[in-house]
N, C-alpha and C. Protein backbone atom coordinates (compact mmCIF):
# COMPACT_ATOMS: atom_id res chain seq x y z
N UNK A 1 -11.44 -7.37 -36.35
CA UNK A 1 -10.20 -6.61 -36.41
C UNK A 1 -9.38 -7.14 -37.57
N UNK A 2 -8.95 -6.24 -38.45
CA UNK A 2 -8.12 -6.68 -39.56
C UNK A 2 -6.92 -5.73 -39.73
N UNK A 3 -5.86 -6.31 -40.21
CA UNK A 3 -4.64 -5.55 -40.44
C UNK A 3 -4.72 -4.93 -41.83
N UNK A 4 -4.46 -3.62 -41.90
CA UNK A 4 -4.51 -2.90 -43.17
C UNK A 4 -3.14 -2.28 -43.44
N UNK A 5 -2.34 -2.93 -44.31
CA UNK A 5 -0.99 -2.41 -44.59
C UNK A 5 -0.97 -0.99 -45.15
N UNK A 6 -2.03 -0.60 -45.87
CA UNK A 6 -2.04 0.75 -46.44
C UNK A 6 -2.21 1.81 -45.35
N UNK A 7 -3.02 1.51 -44.35
CA UNK A 7 -3.18 2.44 -43.21
C UNK A 7 -1.85 2.54 -42.48
N UNK A 8 -1.23 1.39 -42.23
CA UNK A 8 0.08 1.37 -41.55
C UNK A 8 1.07 2.26 -42.31
N UNK A 9 1.12 2.10 -43.63
CA UNK A 9 2.07 2.87 -44.42
C UNK A 9 1.77 4.36 -44.38
N UNK A 10 0.49 4.72 -44.41
CA UNK A 10 0.11 6.14 -44.31
C UNK A 10 0.60 6.74 -43.00
N UNK A 11 0.39 6.02 -41.92
CA UNK A 11 0.81 6.51 -40.60
C UNK A 11 2.33 6.63 -40.54
N UNK A 12 3.03 5.63 -41.04
CA UNK A 12 4.50 5.64 -41.00
C UNK A 12 5.06 6.73 -41.92
N UNK A 13 4.41 6.96 -43.05
CA UNK A 13 4.86 8.06 -43.92
C UNK A 13 4.75 9.40 -43.21
N UNK A 14 3.69 9.55 -42.42
CA UNK A 14 3.48 10.79 -41.68
C UNK A 14 4.43 10.89 -40.48
N UNK A 15 4.59 9.79 -39.74
CA UNK A 15 5.44 9.79 -38.55
C UNK A 15 6.29 8.51 -38.52
N UNK A 16 7.47 8.57 -39.19
CA UNK A 16 8.32 7.38 -39.31
C UNK A 16 8.82 6.83 -37.97
N UNK A 17 8.84 7.63 -36.93
CA UNK A 17 9.36 7.13 -35.65
C UNK A 17 8.50 6.02 -35.07
N UNK A 18 7.26 5.86 -35.55
CA UNK A 18 6.40 4.80 -35.04
C UNK A 18 7.06 3.43 -35.17
N UNK A 19 7.84 3.23 -36.21
CA UNK A 19 8.48 1.93 -36.42
C UNK A 19 9.52 1.60 -35.36
N UNK A 20 9.93 2.60 -34.58
CA UNK A 20 10.95 2.38 -33.54
C UNK A 20 10.37 1.85 -32.24
N UNK A 21 9.05 1.75 -32.14
CA UNK A 21 8.41 1.30 -30.91
C UNK A 21 8.73 -0.17 -30.64
N UNK A 22 9.27 -0.44 -29.46
CA UNK A 22 9.53 -1.84 -29.11
C UNK A 22 8.68 -2.30 -27.93
N UNK A 23 7.56 -1.58 -27.71
CA UNK A 23 6.53 -2.01 -26.77
C UNK A 23 7.02 -2.11 -25.32
N UNK A 24 7.81 -1.13 -24.90
CA UNK A 24 8.33 -1.16 -23.53
C UNK A 24 7.27 -0.77 -22.50
N UNK A 25 6.26 0.03 -22.93
CA UNK A 25 5.18 0.43 -22.03
C UNK A 25 5.44 1.69 -21.24
N UNK A 26 6.57 2.33 -21.45
CA UNK A 26 6.88 3.58 -20.74
C UNK A 26 5.81 4.63 -21.01
N UNK A 27 5.33 4.69 -22.24
CA UNK A 27 4.31 5.68 -22.61
C UNK A 27 3.05 5.51 -21.77
N UNK A 28 2.64 4.28 -21.58
CA UNK A 28 1.43 4.02 -20.79
C UNK A 28 1.66 4.35 -19.32
N UNK A 29 2.85 4.08 -18.84
CA UNK A 29 3.11 4.31 -17.41
C UNK A 29 3.12 5.79 -17.03
N UNK A 30 3.39 6.67 -17.99
CA UNK A 30 3.43 8.10 -17.67
C UNK A 30 2.18 8.86 -18.13
N UNK A 31 1.29 8.18 -18.82
CA UNK A 31 0.10 8.84 -19.38
C UNK A 31 -0.91 9.18 -18.29
N UNK A 32 -1.32 10.45 -18.20
CA UNK A 32 -2.30 10.83 -17.18
C UNK A 32 -3.71 10.30 -17.48
N UNK A 33 -3.94 9.78 -18.67
CA UNK A 33 -5.27 9.29 -19.05
C UNK A 33 -5.41 7.78 -18.92
N UNK A 34 -4.41 7.11 -18.39
CA UNK A 34 -4.47 5.66 -18.25
C UNK A 34 -5.67 5.21 -17.42
N UNK A 35 -5.98 5.95 -16.37
CA UNK A 35 -7.13 5.59 -15.53
C UNK A 35 -8.46 5.75 -16.26
N UNK A 36 -8.46 6.41 -17.39
CA UNK A 36 -9.68 6.64 -18.16
C UNK A 36 -9.77 5.75 -19.39
N UNK A 37 -8.89 4.76 -19.49
CA UNK A 37 -8.94 3.80 -20.58
C UNK A 37 -7.86 3.92 -21.62
N UNK A 38 -6.99 4.90 -21.48
CA UNK A 38 -5.90 5.08 -22.44
C UNK A 38 -4.82 4.04 -22.18
N UNK A 39 -4.48 3.27 -23.20
CA UNK A 39 -3.37 2.32 -23.14
C UNK A 39 -2.51 2.62 -24.35
N UNK A 40 -1.57 3.52 -24.16
CA UNK A 40 -0.77 4.04 -25.26
C UNK A 40 0.04 2.93 -25.92
N UNK A 41 0.59 2.03 -25.13
CA UNK A 41 1.40 0.93 -25.69
C UNK A 41 0.56 0.10 -26.65
N UNK A 42 -0.64 -0.29 -26.23
CA UNK A 42 -1.52 -1.09 -27.09
C UNK A 42 -1.94 -0.29 -28.33
N UNK A 43 -2.21 0.98 -28.14
CA UNK A 43 -2.58 1.83 -29.26
C UNK A 43 -1.46 1.86 -30.30
N UNK A 44 -0.22 2.05 -29.86
CA UNK A 44 0.92 2.09 -30.78
C UNK A 44 1.11 0.73 -31.46
N UNK A 45 0.88 -0.34 -30.73
CA UNK A 45 1.01 -1.67 -31.34
C UNK A 45 0.00 -1.85 -32.46
N UNK A 46 -1.25 -1.50 -32.19
CA UNK A 46 -2.30 -1.65 -33.20
C UNK A 46 -2.02 -0.76 -34.41
N UNK A 47 -1.61 0.48 -34.17
CA UNK A 47 -1.34 1.39 -35.28
C UNK A 47 -0.13 0.94 -36.08
N UNK A 48 0.86 0.39 -35.40
CA UNK A 48 2.04 -0.12 -36.09
C UNK A 48 1.68 -1.31 -36.99
N UNK A 49 0.61 -2.00 -36.67
CA UNK A 49 0.13 -3.10 -37.50
C UNK A 49 -0.87 -2.63 -38.56
N UNK A 50 -1.33 -1.40 -38.44
CA UNK A 50 -2.32 -0.88 -39.37
C UNK A 50 -3.74 -1.22 -38.97
N UNK A 51 -3.96 -1.43 -37.69
CA UNK A 51 -5.29 -1.77 -37.18
C UNK A 51 -5.98 -0.52 -36.65
N UNK A 52 -7.11 -0.19 -37.25
CA UNK A 52 -7.94 0.88 -36.71
C UNK A 52 -9.32 0.26 -36.49
N UNK A 53 -9.56 -0.14 -35.26
CA UNK A 53 -10.83 -0.76 -34.89
C UNK A 53 -11.60 0.21 -34.00
N UNK A 54 -12.74 -0.24 -33.47
CA UNK A 54 -13.55 0.64 -32.64
C UNK A 54 -12.80 1.11 -31.40
N UNK A 55 -11.98 0.24 -30.83
CA UNK A 55 -11.21 0.62 -29.64
C UNK A 55 -10.23 1.75 -29.98
N UNK A 56 -9.55 1.63 -31.10
CA UNK A 56 -8.61 2.68 -31.53
C UNK A 56 -9.36 3.98 -31.80
N UNK A 57 -10.49 3.88 -32.49
CA UNK A 57 -11.29 5.08 -32.80
C UNK A 57 -11.69 5.83 -31.53
N UNK A 58 -12.00 5.10 -30.48
CA UNK A 58 -12.37 5.72 -29.21
C UNK A 58 -11.13 6.24 -28.47
N UNK A 59 -10.09 5.46 -28.45
CA UNK A 59 -8.91 5.76 -27.64
C UNK A 59 -8.14 6.98 -28.11
N UNK A 60 -8.06 7.21 -29.42
CA UNK A 60 -7.28 8.37 -29.90
C UNK A 60 -7.84 9.69 -29.39
N UNK A 61 -9.12 9.71 -29.03
CA UNK A 61 -9.72 10.95 -28.53
C UNK A 61 -9.50 11.14 -27.04
N UNK A 62 -8.95 10.14 -26.35
CA UNK A 62 -8.65 10.29 -24.93
C UNK A 62 -7.35 11.06 -24.69
N UNK A 63 -6.49 11.07 -25.68
CA UNK A 63 -5.18 11.70 -25.53
C UNK A 63 -5.32 13.21 -25.32
N UNK A 64 -4.59 13.72 -24.33
CA UNK A 64 -4.58 15.15 -24.04
C UNK A 64 -3.54 15.91 -24.85
N UNK A 65 -2.62 15.18 -25.47
CA UNK A 65 -1.55 15.82 -26.23
C UNK A 65 -0.48 16.45 -25.37
N UNK A 66 -0.36 16.00 -24.13
CA UNK A 66 0.58 16.61 -23.19
C UNK A 66 2.04 16.33 -23.53
N UNK A 67 2.31 15.25 -24.24
CA UNK A 67 3.66 14.94 -24.67
C UNK A 67 4.51 14.18 -23.67
N UNK A 68 3.95 13.80 -22.52
CA UNK A 68 4.74 13.03 -21.55
C UNK A 68 5.23 11.72 -22.14
N UNK A 69 4.43 11.10 -22.98
CA UNK A 69 4.82 9.84 -23.61
C UNK A 69 6.06 10.05 -24.49
N UNK A 70 6.05 11.10 -25.29
CA UNK A 70 7.18 11.40 -26.18
C UNK A 70 8.43 11.73 -25.37
N UNK A 71 8.26 12.54 -24.33
CA UNK A 71 9.40 12.94 -23.51
C UNK A 71 10.06 11.75 -22.81
N UNK A 72 9.28 10.76 -22.42
CA UNK A 72 9.80 9.63 -21.67
C UNK A 72 10.12 8.42 -22.52
N UNK A 73 9.73 8.42 -23.77
CA UNK A 73 9.98 7.29 -24.66
C UNK A 73 11.49 7.13 -24.90
N UNK A 74 12.01 5.92 -24.68
CA UNK A 74 13.45 5.71 -24.92
C UNK A 74 13.86 5.95 -26.37
N UNK A 75 12.93 5.79 -27.31
CA UNK A 75 13.23 6.01 -28.72
C UNK A 75 12.68 7.32 -29.26
N UNK A 76 12.13 8.14 -28.36
CA UNK A 76 11.61 9.47 -28.70
C UNK A 76 10.58 9.43 -29.83
N UNK A 77 9.70 8.43 -29.77
CA UNK A 77 8.63 8.33 -30.75
C UNK A 77 7.65 9.49 -30.51
N UNK A 78 7.28 10.16 -31.57
CA UNK A 78 6.38 11.30 -31.46
C UNK A 78 4.93 10.78 -31.43
N UNK A 79 4.56 10.20 -30.31
CA UNK A 79 3.24 9.58 -30.14
C UNK A 79 2.10 10.59 -30.32
N UNK A 80 2.18 11.80 -29.75
CA UNK A 80 1.08 12.75 -29.99
C UNK A 80 0.88 13.05 -31.47
N UNK A 81 1.95 13.07 -32.23
CA UNK A 81 1.86 13.32 -33.66
C UNK A 81 1.14 12.16 -34.37
N UNK A 82 1.45 10.94 -33.97
CA UNK A 82 0.77 9.76 -34.52
C UNK A 82 -0.72 9.84 -34.22
N UNK A 83 -1.05 10.17 -32.99
CA UNK A 83 -2.45 10.25 -32.57
C UNK A 83 -3.18 11.36 -33.33
N UNK A 84 -2.55 12.50 -33.49
CA UNK A 84 -3.18 13.59 -34.26
C UNK A 84 -3.47 13.16 -35.69
N UNK A 85 -2.54 12.41 -36.27
CA UNK A 85 -2.74 11.95 -37.65
C UNK A 85 -3.91 10.98 -37.74
N UNK A 86 -3.99 10.05 -36.80
CA UNK A 86 -5.10 9.09 -36.81
C UNK A 86 -6.42 9.82 -36.59
N UNK A 87 -6.42 10.83 -35.74
CA UNK A 87 -7.63 11.64 -35.57
C UNK A 87 -8.03 12.28 -36.90
N UNK A 88 -7.05 12.79 -37.64
CA UNK A 88 -7.37 13.43 -38.93
C UNK A 88 -7.92 12.41 -39.92
N UNK A 89 -7.42 11.17 -39.89
CA UNK A 89 -7.97 10.11 -40.73
C UNK A 89 -9.42 9.84 -40.37
N UNK A 90 -9.70 9.80 -39.08
CA UNK A 90 -11.06 9.54 -38.61
C UNK A 90 -12.00 10.68 -38.99
N UNK A 91 -11.55 11.91 -38.86
CA UNK A 91 -12.39 13.05 -39.24
C UNK A 91 -12.66 13.05 -40.74
N UNK A 92 -11.66 12.70 -41.54
CA UNK A 92 -11.85 12.61 -42.99
C UNK A 92 -12.87 11.53 -43.33
N UNK A 93 -12.83 10.42 -42.62
CA UNK A 93 -13.79 9.34 -42.84
C UNK A 93 -15.21 9.79 -42.48
N UNK A 94 -15.35 10.52 -41.40
CA UNK A 94 -16.66 11.04 -41.00
C UNK A 94 -17.20 11.99 -42.05
N UNK A 95 -16.34 12.88 -42.55
CA UNK A 95 -16.77 13.83 -43.59
C UNK A 95 -17.15 13.10 -44.87
N UNK A 96 -16.41 12.05 -45.20
CA UNK A 96 -16.68 11.29 -46.41
C UNK A 96 -18.06 10.63 -46.36
N UNK A 97 -18.45 10.19 -45.18
CA UNK A 97 -19.74 9.50 -45.01
C UNK A 97 -20.93 10.44 -45.14
N UNK A 98 -20.72 11.73 -44.94
CA UNK A 98 -21.83 12.70 -44.99
C UNK A 98 -22.27 12.97 -46.38
C-alpha cells in the first residue's frame, strides 16, 4: 500500500468535499452494504490519502449509490460522487491495459 499524492489531488479536484471528512463513521453506520464488506469511513480515509489498493478497488463496486451516506454526513460530503470518480479511474486503467 502506498500513498499517491497525485491520485489524492485528482479525487479532490473532482470532489473537493472529500477534504472535509473527519472520520466520524456516520457514513458506515447508515450504509446498507456494510454487512457485505463496505466500510465507507475506511474507504474515504484511504482515498483522502491517495491510496488505491486492492481493497479499495473491490470496495468501490459494493456501493449502491443510494446516497444515505451523503444525506447523513455532518459535512455533507458527496461520497457517491467520490466513489463514481474512483470507479471511472479504475475503468480507465482497465481500458489502458488492453
